[in-house]
Amino acid sequence: MTHGELNWHIEHHRVPVVVLGNWMFDTKPFYRSRLAAHGYVMVDKIEDTEVYRFASNGTATR
């Protein structure tokens, strides 16, 4: 999947859960802001891996 395709899926809420793994060191800050701007909130962090869930009202639970 290209970065453009990934951005499209985030913008259109195509998945309820997004995981930013440890291979995304250079792009994590970019994707954190994209996810937050489109209604995703972090629900868990395991070492360097972050789990985000879409919440249309701005809140999400595990």
C-alpha atoms as a PDB file:
ATOM      1  CA  MET A   1       0.000   0.000   0.000  1.00  0.00           C
ATOM      2  CA  THR A   2       1.358   3.426  -0.907  1.00  0.00           C
ATOM      3  CA  HIS A   3       1.377   6.381   1.469  1.00  0.00           C
ATOM      4  CA  GLY A   4      -1.313   7.998  -0.685  1.00  0.00           C
ATOM      5  CA  GLU A   5      -3.545   4.930  -0.409  1.00  0.00           C
ATOM      6  CA  LEU A   6      -2.995   4.758   3.348  1.00  0.00           C
ATOM      7  CA  ASN A   7      -3.928   8.427   3.714  1.00  0.00           C
ATOM      8  CA  TRP A   8      -7.096   7.876   1.683  1.00  0.00           C
ATOM      9  CA  HIS A   9      -8.151   4.991   3.940  1.00  0.00           C
ATOM     10  CA  ILE A  10      -7.532   7.102   7.064  1.00  0.00           C
ATOM     11  CA  GLU A  11      -9.467  10.083   5.653  1.00  0.00           C
ATOM     12  CA  HIS A  12     -12.437   7.891   4.694  1.00  0.00           C
ATOM     13  CA  HIS A  13     -12.457   5.797   7.898  1.00  0.00           C
ATOM     14  CA  ARG A  14     -12.132   2.540   5.961  1.00  0.00           C
ATOM     15  CA  VAL A  15     -10.858   0.678   9.014  1.00  0.00           C
ATOM     16  CA  PRO A  16     -11.883   0.980  12.675  1.00  0.00           C
ATOM     17  CA  VAL A  17      -8.379   0.224  14.030  1.00  0.00           C
ATOM     18  CA  VAL A  18      -4.933   1.444  12.910  1.00  0.00           C
ATOM     19  CA  VAL A  19      -1.619   0.173  14.295  1.00  0.00           C
ATOM     20  CA  LEU A  20       1.556   2.236  13.940  1.00  0.00           C
ATOM     21  CA  GLY A  21       4.378  -0.234  14.312  1.00  0.00           C
ATOM     22  CA  ASN A  22       8.045   0.087  15.054  1.00  0.00           C
ATOM     23  CA  TRP A  23       9.004   0.223  11.348  1.00  0.00           C
ATOM     24  CA  MET A  24       7.391   3.684  10.986  1.00  0.00           C
ATOM     25  CA  PHE A  25      10.012   5.731  12.878  1.00  0.00           C
ATOM     26  CA  ASP A  26      10.267   8.520  10.291  1.00  0.00           C
ATOM     27  CA  THR A  27       6.549   8.775   9.554  1.00  0.00           C
ATOM     28  CA  LYS A  28       4.948   8.233  12.980  1.00  0.00           C
ATOM     29  CA  PRO A  29       4.574  11.962  13.766  1.00  0.00           C
ATOM     30  CA  PHE A  30       2.912  12.540  10.384  1.00  0.00           C
ATOM     31  CA  TYR A  31       0.469   9.654  10.818  1.00  0.00           C
ATOM     32  CA  ARG A  32      -0.288  10.573  14.447  1.00  0.00           C
ATOM     33  CA  SER A  33      -1.489  13.984  13.305  1.00  0.00           C
ATOM     34  CA  ARG A  34      -3.420  12.522  10.342  1.00  0.00           C
ATOM     35  CA  LEU A  35      -5.165  10.005  12.582  1.00  0.00           C
ATOM     36  CA  ALA A  36      -6.073  12.645  15.178  1.00  0.00           C
ATOM     37  CA  ALA A  37      -7.360  15.013  12.491  1.00  0.00           C
ATOM     38  CA  HIS A  38      -9.687  12.304  11.186  1.00  0.00           C
ATOM     39  CA  GLY A  39     -11.170  11.122  14.479  1.00  0.00           C
ATOM     40  CA  TYR A  40      -8.833   8.340  15.572  1.00  0.00           C
ATOM     41  CA  VAL A  41      -7.647   8.205  19.186  1.00  0.00           C
ATOM     42  CA  MET A  42      -4.832   6.177  20.728  1.00  0.00           C
ATOM     43  CA  VAL A  43      -6.254   3.348  22.837  1.00  0.00           C
ATOM     44  CA  ASP A  44      -3.098   1.391  23.620  1.00  0.00           C
ATOM     45  CA  LYS A  45       0.679   1.536  23.389  1.00  0.00           C
ATOM     46  CA  ILE A  46       2.886  -1.535  23.621  1.00  0.00           C
ATOM     47  CA  GLU A  47       6.554  -0.531  23.576  1.00  0.00           C
ATOM     48  CA  ASP A  48       6.971   1.299  20.217  1.00  0.00           C
ATOM     49  CA  THR A  49       3.649   0.117  18.769  1.00  0.00           C
ATOM     50  CA  GLU A  50       0.616   2.428  18.983  1.00  0.00           C
ATOM     51  CA  VAL A  51      -2.995   1.300  18.505  1.00  0.00           C
ATOM     52  CA  TYR A  52      -5.623   3.806  17.348  1.00  0.00           C
ATOM     53  CA  ARG A  53      -9.377   3.368  17.071  1.00  0.00           C
ATOM     54  CA  PHE A  54     -11.854   5.492  15.122  1.00  0.00           C
ATOM     55  CA  ALA A  55     -14.349   7.239  17.352  1.00  0.00           C
ATOM     56  CA  SER A  56     -16.880   9.448  15.606  1.00  0.00           C
ATOM     57  CA  ASN A  57     -17.570  11.284  18.879  1.00  0.00           C
ATOM     58  CA  GLY A  58     -13.863  11.701  19.691  1.00  0.00           C
ATOM     59  CA  THR A  59     -13.683   8.995  22.348  1.00  0.00           C
ATOM     60  CA  ALA A  60     -12.813   5.341  22.099  1.00  0.00           C
ATOM     61  CA  THR A  61     -12.401   2.508  24.526  1.00  0.00           C
ATOM     62  CA  ARG A  62     -10.353  -0.643  24.353  1.00  0.00           C
END
